[in-house]
Amino acid sequence: MPAATSQGGVIAQRALAIWPRLDQRTLAGCGHDSRLIATYVASRTSLPIETIVALLEEADQEPSLFYG
């Protein structure tokens, strides 16, 4: 996930905002890799890894407007 690694700690901060009880040391050990963070979060929740990655990276995408 190159987009996640280039953002510094934004992904980790977002994970803490969504799941505030995450262990910050373990989260720091994941680096800035959204897949590693998602694997850690998945061990503590019932959400699949793909869903967690989508939640963590969702705000990185530009909002699109659709006037159908």
Protein backbone atom coordinates (compact mmCIF):
# COMPACT_ATOMS: atom_id res chain seq x y z
CA MET A 1 0.00 0.00 0.00
CA PRO A 2 2.24 2.86 -1.11
CA ALA A 3 -0.39 5.50 -0.40
CA ALA A 4 -0.50 4.52 3.26
CA THR A 5 3.26 4.41 3.73
CA SER A 6 3.81 7.88 2.30
CA GLN A 7 1.47 9.54 4.80
CA GLY A 8 3.47 9.02 7.95
CA GLY A 9 1.40 8.29 11.03
CA VAL A 10 -1.95 9.34 9.58
CA ILE A 11 -3.17 5.76 9.21
CA ALA A 12 -2.15 4.89 12.78
CA GLN A 13 -3.84 8.03 14.12
CA ARG A 14 -6.99 7.17 12.21
CA ALA A 15 -6.92 3.64 13.68
CA LEU A 16 -6.67 5.09 17.19
CA ALA A 17 -9.53 7.46 16.47
CA ILE A 18 -11.77 4.59 15.36
CA TRP A 19 -10.57 2.05 17.95
CA PRO A 20 -9.27 4.09 20.92
CA ARG A 21 -8.36 1.04 23.03
CA LEU A 22 -5.66 -0.15 20.67
CA ASP A 23 -2.25 -0.62 22.23
CA GLN A 24 -0.13 2.27 20.97
CA ARG A 25 3.13 0.30 21.24
CA THR A 26 1.78 -2.54 19.14
CA LEU A 27 0.35 -0.05 16.68
CA ALA A 28 3.72 1.70 16.45
CA GLY A 29 5.31 -1.69 15.74
CA CYS A 30 3.13 -1.97 12.64
CA GLY A 31 4.88 1.05 11.19
CA HIS A 32 2.75 2.93 8.71
CA ASP A 33 1.55 -0.12 6.80
CA SER A 34 -2.25 -0.16 6.63
CA ARG A 35 -2.32 -3.94 6.04
CA LEU A 36 -0.28 -4.64 9.20
CA ILE A 37 -2.45 -2.26 11.20
CA ALA A 38 -5.57 -3.92 9.79
CA THR A 39 -4.23 -7.35 10.75
CA TYR A 40 -3.68 -6.13 14.31
CA VAL A 41 -7.15 -4.56 14.50
CA ALA A 42 -8.75 -7.69 13.00
CA SER A 43 -7.37 -9.73 15.88
CA ARG A 44 -9.39 -7.52 18.23
CA THR A 45 -12.60 -7.12 16.20
CA SER A 46 -14.89 -9.22 14.06
CA LEU A 47 -14.31 -7.08 10.96
CA PRO A 48 -12.45 -8.60 8.00
CA ILE A 49 -9.05 -7.15 7.12
CA GLU A 50 -10.29 -5.75 3.80
CA THR A 51 -13.01 -3.75 5.58
CA ILE A 52 -10.54 -2.35 8.11
CA VAL A 53 -8.13 -1.31 5.35
CA ALA A 54 -11.02 0.44 3.58
CA LEU A 55 -11.94 2.29 6.77
CA LEU A 56 -8.36 3.36 7.37
CA GLU A 57 -7.75 4.52 3.81
CA GLU A 58 -11.23 5.95 3.07
CA ALA A 59 -10.40 9.54 4.00
CA ASP A 60 -7.39 9.50 1.68
CA GLN A 61 -9.58 9.48 -1.40
CA GLU A 62 -11.03 12.60 -2.93
CA PRO A 63 -14.77 12.87 -2.46
CA SER A 64 -16.64 12.56 -5.70
CA LEU A 65 -19.84 14.32 -6.56
CA PHE A 66 -22.39 12.61 -8.70
CA TYR A 67 -25.32 14.46 -10.13
CA GLY A 68 -27.36 11.68 -11.72
